[in-house]
Amino acid sequence: MPRSRAIKTPSGLTVPSIPVSTELIGLRFTLQAIESSALYAQYTIGLHAWFLHQIQDFDPDLSAYLHDGESEKPFTITGLDGQFASHHQQLQLQAGATYHWHLTALSKPVVRGIVQWLKQLPDTLELRDAPLTIQAIEISHPSTTYTKLWKQAADPQGSVNLSFLSPSSFRRKGHHFPLPVPFNLLHSYLRRWNDFSKRPVEQEAFLDWIDEHVIIQQLTLESAKIAAGKRGSVTGFMGAIRLGLTKRAQQNPEFCQLFYALVQLAPYCGTGHKTTFGLGQTQLGWATADSSDAPSSTRDLLLAERIAELTQIFVAQRKRIGGDRATHISETWATVLARRELGDTLTDIATDLDILYETAKTYSKLARRSLRESESQR
């Protein structure tokens, strides 16, 4: 199989060779904290922005597609994994400590872009007030193609295990749905498959089959609330699940094969929504309690709870608007106000939410006014 040549970054790091036919791959970055510094709430927004800015420097069109594309997102990122200290209710990076960050790509154009980017990879991952030097890059999920996933799934495999390492959630009827119901799980993976595999499947018939023939054999779950993405908070699930098929499932061998292919896709595409902001990190196998314990701080939990509380207040005030618009406005105002209450500057909030400073300032004023009106009516 043709392969790209091994890459040396400007700083001398050796990057693993990636076959030119690759459509799916996962990379693990080993990072070292330059100094002890607090991780601000919603820091995964910073990781997301840093990656897109890196791509923008040499391929603005690809960066715009990754940021604004209306299809499923063709990449995922995780939060940082490693040893954190606690300082003033915040997670803190420890100077000299090692951390890991994962990035996956779900289509050949994105893989090609990442290969180009790695050729000019900087020495440092610049996270606001918490820079980290890039020590190494390794392949975490093997390079593969959708055709390979399909062929590998041809043989019956029995039960399968999936572990959810960061909070995972689905959107259902305008709300978060924090349960790994097989229908929702496989629908999540199928959307990515249909978008990127070039072998789309008729969705309704397959999902009916999932509902009928995929059974939960074992699970261990816990819920977590997190401020995720650019606005709002998410209630998600973490833990592990074992899935199996009924005996009658084999009457449709093509759907059985697709089921196993989608399970193999899960570690690349993640589970549920907001996977480009650290949610939904998924691995094959049954993870131990320790390995599925995502770090959080008191401040993160307070922020998520406050955003959820304010969102409810603002949505109730906008019943006459209704629909997604009311929810969008309410979540944005709630995020701005909750972060202001915890001491974040309007400049930082505007940067993270990708809005103008004056817009963030206006939202803050309007949110405070609405909150006062709500309190006066109690």
Protein backbone atom coordinates (compact mmCIF):
# COMPACT_ATOMS: atom_id res chain seq x y z
CA MET A 1 0.00 0.00 0.00
CA PRO A 2 1.44 3.46 -0.85
CA ARG A 3 2.60 5.38 2.16
CA SER A 4 3.51 8.96 2.85
CA ARG A 5 7.06 9.49 3.97
CA ALA A 6 7.80 9.86 7.67
CA ILE A 7 7.47 13.49 8.70
CA LYS A 8 9.84 15.59 10.76
CA THR A 9 8.30 18.66 12.37
CA PRO A 10 10.25 21.95 12.49
CA SER A 11 11.14 21.17 16.11
CA GLY A 12 12.56 17.76 15.15
CA LEU A 13 9.68 15.53 16.28
CA THR A 14 9.08 12.45 14.17
CA VAL A 15 5.47 12.03 13.13
CA PRO A 16 4.17 8.53 12.28
CA SER A 17 3.78 7.73 8.61
CA ILE A 18 0.15 7.80 7.47
CA PRO A 19 -0.94 5.79 4.39
CA VAL A 20 -2.22 8.04 1.62
CA SER A 21 -5.43 5.98 1.37
CA THR A 22 -6.36 6.72 5.00
CA GLU A 23 -9.91 7.91 5.67
CA LEU A 24 -9.96 7.44 9.45
CA ILE A 25 -7.22 7.88 12.01
CA GLY A 26 -6.68 8.86 15.62
CA LEU A 27 -3.65 10.76 16.93
CA ARG A 28 -2.40 11.15 20.48
CA PHE A 29 -0.35 14.21 21.36
CA THR A 30 1.94 14.00 24.38
CA LEU A 31 2.20 17.44 25.96
CA GLN A 32 4.18 18.94 28.82
CA ALA A 33 3.01 21.89 30.89
CA ILE A 34 5.53 24.74 30.75
CA GLU A 35 4.33 26.22 34.02
CA SER A 36 1.73 25.58 36.70
CA SER A 37 -1.47 27.28 35.57
CA ALA A 38 -5.22 26.99 36.04
CA LEU A 39 -7.38 25.48 33.32
CA TYR A 40 -10.24 27.86 32.69
CA ALA A 41 -13.76 26.55 32.42
CA GLN A 42 -14.67 25.37 28.93
CA TYR A 43 -10.98 25.15 27.99
CA THR A 44 -11.87 22.60 25.30
CA ILE A 45 -13.19 25.58 23.32
CA GLY A 46 -9.60 26.81 23.34
CA LEU A 47 -8.31 23.46 22.10
CA HIS A 48 -10.93 23.47 19.35
CA ALA A 49 -10.03 27.02 18.31
CA TRP A 50 -6.27 26.33 18.38
CA PHE A 51 -6.65 23.37 16.04
CA LEU A 52 -8.85 25.26 13.57
CA HIS A 53 -6.45 28.22 13.56
CA GLN A 54 -3.58 25.85 12.85
CA ILE A 55 -5.40 24.47 9.81
CA GLN A 56 -6.45 27.96 8.71
CA ASP A 57 -2.83 29.06 8.42
CA PHE A 58 -2.29 26.85 5.35
CA ASP A 59 -5.81 25.82 4.21
CA PRO A 60 -8.50 28.42 4.99
CA ASP A 61 -11.14 26.51 3.01
CA LEU A 62 -10.62 23.33 5.03
CA SER A 63 -10.67 25.31 8.28
CA ALA A 64 -13.94 26.98 7.26
CA TYR A 65 -15.44 23.59 6.41
CA LEU A 66 -14.39 22.16 9.78
CA HIS A 67 -15.86 25.20 11.55
CA ASP A 68 -19.00 25.89 9.53
CA GLY A 69 -19.80 22.74 7.58
CA GLU A 70 -23.46 21.83 7.83
CA SER A 71 -22.81 18.10 7.61
CA GLU A 72 -21.58 15.93 10.46
CA LYS A 73 -18.26 17.15 11.82
CA PRO A 74 -15.38 15.18 10.23
CA PHE A 75 -13.13 15.32 13.29
CA THR A 76 -13.22 15.01 17.08
CA ILE A 77 -11.04 16.25 19.91
CA THR A 78 -10.80 15.33 23.57
CA GLY A 79 -9.97 17.26 26.69
CA LEU A 80 -6.59 16.87 28.37
CA ASP A 81 -5.81 13.65 30.19
CA GLY A 82 -3.23 13.52 32.99
CA GLN A 83 -2.50 14.46 36.59
CA PHE A 84 -4.16 17.69 37.68
CA ALA A 85 -3.90 19.64 40.90
CA SER A 86 -6.80 21.56 42.44
CA HIS A 87 -6.34 25.26 43.12
CA HIS A 88 -9.09 27.70 44.14
CA GLN A 89 -11.79 25.25 42.93
CA GLN A 90 -10.11 24.97 39.49
CA LEU A 91 -8.12 22.26 37.79
CA GLN A 92 -4.48 23.23 37.52
CA LEU A 93 -1.78 21.99 35.19
CA GLN A 94 1.43 21.13 37.02
CA ALA A 95 4.71 22.47 35.62
CA GLY A 96 6.67 19.66 33.97
CA ALA A 97 3.77 17.18 34.13
CA THR A 98 2.76 15.18 31.08
CA TYR A 99 -0.71 15.33 29.52
CA HIS A 100 -2.34 13.71 26.51
CA TRP A 101 -4.72 15.12 23.93
CA HIS A 102 -6.48 13.12 21.20
CA LEU A 103 -7.57 14.16 17.71
CA THR A 104 -9.40 11.99 15.18
CA ALA A 105 -10.19 12.52 11.50
CA LEU A 106 -13.17 10.93 9.72
CA SER A 107 -12.57 11.66 6.04
CA LYS A 108 -9.72 11.55 3.54
CA PRO A 109 -9.63 15.35 2.92
CA VAL A 110 -9.29 15.99 6.65
CA VAL A 111 -6.57 13.36 6.97
CA ARG A 112 -4.68 14.99 4.09
CA GLY A 113 -5.01 18.36 5.79
CA ILE A 114 -3.70 16.99 9.08
CA VAL A 115 -0.70 15.41 7.30
CA GLN A 116 0.12 18.81 5.81
CA TRP A 117 -0.31 20.48 9.17
CA LEU A 118 2.01 18.02 10.91
CA LYS A 119 4.79 19.01 8.51
CA GLN A 120 4.76 22.47 10.09
CA LEU A 121 3.59 21.60 13.59
CA PRO A 122 4.65 24.28 16.11
CA ASP A 123 6.60 23.54 19.26
CA THR A 124 3.79 24.64 21.54
CA LEU A 125 0.07 24.13 21.93
CA GLU A 126 -1.06 27.60 22.95
CA LEU A 127 -3.92 27.32 25.41
CA ARG A 128 -4.86 30.59 27.08
CA ASP A 129 -2.51 31.17 30.07
CA ALA A 130 -1.54 27.48 29.95
CA PRO A 131 0.94 26.76 27.13
CA LEU A 132 2.11 23.18 26.64
CA THR A 133 5.09 21.95 24.65
CA ILE A 134 4.41 19.16 22.15
CA GLN A 135 6.64 16.23 23.12
CA ALA A 136 5.45 13.45 20.79
CA ILE A 137 2.72 12.42 18.34
CA GLU A 138 1.55 8.81 18.08
CA ILE A 139 -1.23 6.93 16.33
CA SER A 140 -3.92 6.09 18.88
CA HIS A 141 -6.51 4.61 16.48
CA PRO A 142 -5.06 2.78 13.46
CA SER A 143 -5.29 4.34 10.04
CA THR A 144 -8.07 2.63 8.09
CA THR A 145 -10.86 3.13 5.57
CA TYR A 146 -14.61 2.66 5.66
CA THR A 147 -14.27 -0.25 3.23
CA LYS A 148 -11.90 -1.98 5.64
CA LEU A 149 -14.29 -1.45 8.55
CA TRP A 150 -17.05 -2.98 6.44
CA LYS A 151 -14.99 -6.02 5.43
CA GLN A 152 -13.70 -6.61 8.96
CA ALA A 153 -17.30 -6.69 10.21
CA ALA A 154 -18.29 -9.53 7.90
CA ASP A 155 -17.65 -12.31 10.44
CA PRO A 156 -20.04 -12.68 13.42
CA GLN A 157 -18.41 -11.22 16.54
CA GLY A 158 -20.80 -11.91 19.40
CA SER A 159 -21.24 -9.30 22.12
CA VAL A 160 -19.42 -5.96 21.94
CA ASN A 161 -18.35 -3.53 24.66
CA LEU A 162 -18.18 0.25 24.42
CA SER A 163 -16.85 2.61 27.08
CA PHE A 164 -17.68 6.31 27.28
CA LEU A 165 -14.70 8.21 28.69
CA SER A 166 -16.20 11.69 28.65
CA PRO A 167 -19.83 12.77 29.10
CA SER A 168 -21.94 11.68 26.13
CA SER A 169 -25.43 12.87 25.26
CA PHE A 170 -27.93 12.98 22.42
CA ARG A 171 -30.40 15.65 21.34
CA ARG A 172 -33.98 14.41 21.58
CA LYS A 173 -37.06 16.61 21.16
CA GLY A 174 -35.02 19.71 21.93
CA HIS A 175 -33.47 18.33 25.12
CA HIS A 176 -30.41 16.36 26.17
CA PHE A 177 -30.96 12.62 26.40
CA PRO A 178 -28.24 11.08 28.62
CA LEU A 179 -28.85 7.36 28.09
CA PRO A 180 -27.07 4.93 25.70
CA VAL A 181 -30.22 3.46 24.20
CA PRO A 182 -29.08 1.30 21.24
CA PHE A 183 -31.31 3.21 18.80
CA ASN A 184 -29.62 6.51 19.72
CA LEU A 185 -26.12 5.04 19.88
CA LEU A 186 -26.26 3.45 16.45
CA HIS A 187 -28.08 6.42 14.93
CA SER A 188 -25.20 8.60 16.14
CA TYR A 189 -22.63 6.42 14.37
CA LEU A 190 -24.81 5.89 11.29
CA ARG A 191 -25.03 9.63 10.62
CA ARG A 192 -21.24 9.82 10.35
CA TRP A 193 -21.12 6.64 8.27
CA ASN A 194 -23.68 7.95 5.80
CA ASP A 195 -21.88 11.29 5.52
CA PHE A 196 -18.32 10.07 4.99
CA SER A 197 -18.22 6.40 3.92
CA LYS A 198 -19.53 6.80 0.34
CA ARG A 199 -21.69 3.74 1.00
CA PRO A 200 -24.77 5.24 2.68
CA VAL A 201 -27.48 3.03 4.15
CA GLU A 202 -31.23 3.57 4.18
CA GLN A 203 -31.61 4.88 7.69
CA GLU A 204 -35.17 4.08 8.72
CA ALA A 205 -35.08 0.35 7.98
CA PHE A 206 -31.74 -0.14 9.75
CA LEU A 207 -32.81 1.76 12.85
CA ASP A 208 -36.03 -0.26 13.02
CA TRP A 209 -33.84 -3.37 12.93
CA ILE A 210 -31.65 -1.93 15.73
CA ASP A 211 -34.71 -1.25 17.86
CA GLU A 212 -35.86 -4.83 17.35
CA HIS A 213 -32.65 -6.83 17.58
CA VAL A 214 -29.93 -5.00 19.58
CA ILE A 215 -30.12 -5.70 23.31
CA ILE A 216 -28.27 -4.32 26.32
CA GLN A 217 -26.61 -7.21 28.16
CA GLN A 218 -24.76 -5.24 30.82
CA LEU A 219 -24.03 -1.63 31.67
CA THR A 220 -22.52 0.60 34.31
CA LEU A 221 -23.29 4.28 34.03
CA GLU A 222 -23.19 7.56 35.88
CA SER A 223 -24.41 10.97 34.82
CA ALA A 224 -22.42 14.18 34.70
CA LYS A 225 -23.35 17.78 33.97
CA ILE A 226 -20.80 19.82 32.07
CA ALA A 227 -20.55 23.21 30.40
CA ALA A 228 -19.68 22.09 26.89
CA GLY A 229 -19.34 23.71 23.51
CA LYS A 230 -19.83 27.42 23.04
CA ARG A 231 -23.10 27.75 24.90
CA GLY A 232 -25.30 25.93 27.34
CA SER A 233 -24.63 22.94 29.56
CA VAL A 234 -25.01 19.24 28.86
CA THR A 235 -26.15 16.35 31.02
CA GLY A 236 -24.29 13.29 29.77
CA PHE A 237 -23.53 9.70 30.69
CA MET A 238 -20.19 7.99 31.32
CA GLY A 239 -19.35 4.34 31.88
CA ALA A 240 -19.56 1.16 29.80
CA ILE A 241 -22.12 -0.96 28.00
CA ARG A 242 -22.25 -4.46 26.51
CA LEU A 243 -24.46 -4.97 23.47
CA GLY A 244 -25.59 -8.18 21.80
CA LEU A 245 -27.88 -9.29 19.00
CA THR A 246 -30.99 -11.46 19.14
CA LYS A 247 -30.91 -14.84 17.41
CA ARG A 248 -33.28 -13.58 14.72
CA ALA A 249 -30.92 -10.70 13.90
CA GLN A 250 -28.90 -13.05 11.67
CA GLN A 251 -31.82 -13.18 9.27
CA ASN A 252 -30.50 -9.86 7.96
CA PRO A 253 -26.74 -10.45 7.59
CA GLU A 254 -26.14 -7.06 5.91
CA PHE A 255 -27.54 -5.19 8.90
CA CYS A 256 -25.53 -7.41 11.25
CA GLN A 257 -22.40 -6.50 9.33
CA LEU A 258 -23.27 -2.81 9.46
CA PHE A 259 -23.86 -3.03 13.22
CA TYR A 260 -20.35 -4.37 13.82
CA ALA A 261 -18.83 -1.85 11.39
CA LEU A 262 -20.49 1.03 13.24
CA VAL A 263 -19.20 -0.27 16.58
CA GLN A 264 -15.68 -0.22 15.11
CA LEU A 265 -16.31 3.33 13.91
CA ALA A 266 -17.30 4.56 17.38
CA PRO A 267 -13.77 5.30 18.73
CA TYR A 268 -13.06 7.47 15.69
CA CYS A 269 -16.32 9.45 15.54
CA GLY A 270 -17.26 9.56 19.24
CA THR A 271 -20.77 9.26 20.63
CA GLY A 272 -23.55 11.83 20.51
CA HIS A 273 -23.07 15.54 19.96
CA LYS A 274 -20.39 18.15 20.73
CA THR A 275 -17.63 15.63 19.98
CA THR A 276 -15.49 18.47 18.61
CA PHE A 277 -15.50 20.00 22.11
CA GLY A 278 -14.39 16.96 24.09
CA LEU A 279 -17.70 15.17 24.66
CA GLY A 280 -18.51 11.62 23.64
CA GLN A 281 -14.99 10.13 23.75
CA THR A 282 -15.52 6.42 23.17
CA GLN A 283 -13.32 3.33 23.19
CA LEU A 284 -13.83 -0.34 22.43
CA GLY A 285 -13.79 -2.66 25.41
CA TRP A 286 -14.88 -2.35 29.01
CA ALA A 287 -13.01 0.47 30.72
CA THR A 288 -12.28 0.37 34.43
CA ALA A 289 -13.74 3.03 36.70
CA ASP A 290 -10.39 4.82 36.94
CA SER A 291 -9.82 5.00 33.19
CA SER A 292 -13.27 6.50 32.58
CA ASP A 293 -12.94 9.17 35.25
CA ALA A 294 -12.82 12.49 33.41
CA PRO A 295 -11.32 15.34 35.46
CA SER A 296 -13.60 18.11 36.58
CA SER A 297 -13.37 20.92 39.08
CA THR A 298 -15.77 22.49 41.52
CA ARG A 299 -15.81 25.55 39.31
CA ASP A 300 -16.73 23.49 36.23
CA LEU A 301 -19.63 21.88 38.09
CA LEU A 302 -20.82 25.22 39.45
CA LEU A 303 -20.69 26.74 35.98
CA ALA A 304 -22.65 23.89 34.40
CA GLU A 305 -25.33 24.01 37.10
CA ARG A 306 -25.62 27.80 36.87
CA ILE A 307 -25.90 27.76 33.08
CA ALA A 308 -28.66 25.15 33.30
CA GLU A 309 -30.50 27.18 35.97
CA LEU A 310 -30.30 30.44 34.01
CA THR A 311 -31.30 28.74 30.77
CA GLN A 312 -34.52 27.50 32.35
CA ILE A 313 -35.32 31.03 33.58
CA PHE A 314 -34.66 32.65 30.21
CA VAL A 315 -36.54 29.98 28.23
CA ALA A 316 -39.57 30.47 30.49
CA GLN A 317 -39.49 34.20 29.71
CA ARG A 318 -39.44 33.48 25.97
CA LYS A 319 -42.31 31.04 25.64
CA ARG A 320 -43.89 33.29 23.06
CA ILE A 321 -40.85 32.86 20.77
CA GLY A 322 -40.69 29.09 21.11
CA GLY A 323 -38.61 26.54 19.25
CA ASP A 324 -34.88 26.46 18.71
CA ARG A 325 -34.55 30.24 18.59
CA ALA A 326 -35.68 30.69 22.19
CA THR A 327 -33.38 27.91 23.37
CA HIS A 328 -30.42 29.29 21.44
CA ILE A 329 -30.86 32.80 22.83
CA SER A 330 -31.42 31.52 26.36
CA GLU A 331 -28.37 29.25 26.34
CA THR A 332 -26.15 32.00 24.99
CA TRP A 333 -27.31 34.57 27.55
CA ALA A 334 -27.02 31.99 30.33
CA THR A 335 -23.47 31.09 29.33
CA VAL A 336 -22.36 34.72 29.19
CA LEU A 337 -23.95 35.65 32.51
CA ALA A 338 -22.81 32.51 34.36
CA ARG A 339 -19.23 33.04 33.27
CA ARG A 340 -19.36 36.73 34.23
CA GLU A 341 -20.64 35.73 37.67
CA LEU A 342 -17.63 33.46 38.08
CA GLY A 343 -15.24 36.26 37.15
CA ASP A 344 -14.44 35.65 33.47
CA THR A 345 -13.79 38.77 31.41
CA LEU A 346 -16.06 39.79 28.56
CA THR A 347 -13.03 39.66 26.26
CA ASP A 348 -12.40 35.99 27.08
CA ILE A 349 -16.09 35.12 26.83
CA ALA A 350 -16.40 36.83 23.45
CA THR A 351 -13.34 34.96 22.17
CA ASP A 352 -14.64 31.57 23.33
CA LEU A 353 -18.15 32.12 21.99
CA ASP A 354 -16.77 33.54 18.72
CA ILE A 355 -18.77 36.75 19.01
CA LEU A 356 -17.85 40.44 19.10
CA TYR A 357 -16.90 42.02 22.41
CA GLU A 358 -19.78 44.50 22.11
CA THR A 359 -22.18 41.63 21.47
CA ALA A 360 -20.99 39.83 24.60
CA LYS A 361 -21.38 43.06 26.55
CA THR A 362 -24.94 43.52 25.28
CA TYR A 363 -25.85 39.91 26.08
CA SER A 364 -24.50 40.33 29.60
CA LYS A 365 -26.62 43.43 30.20
CA LEU A 366 -29.76 41.91 28.73
CA ALA A 367 -29.29 38.70 30.72
CA ARG A 368 -28.85 40.60 33.99
CA ARG A 369 -31.95 42.65 33.25
CA SER A 370 -34.00 39.53 32.47
CA LEU A 371 -32.77 37.86 35.64
CA ARG A 372 -33.80 40.86 37.73
CA GLU A 373 -37.24 40.85 36.10
CA SER A 374 -37.64 37.16 36.88
CA GLU A 375 -36.60 37.64 40.50
CA SER A 376 -38.97 40.59 40.94
CA GLN A 377 -41.91 38.44 39.78
CA ARG A 378 -41.34 35.72 42.36
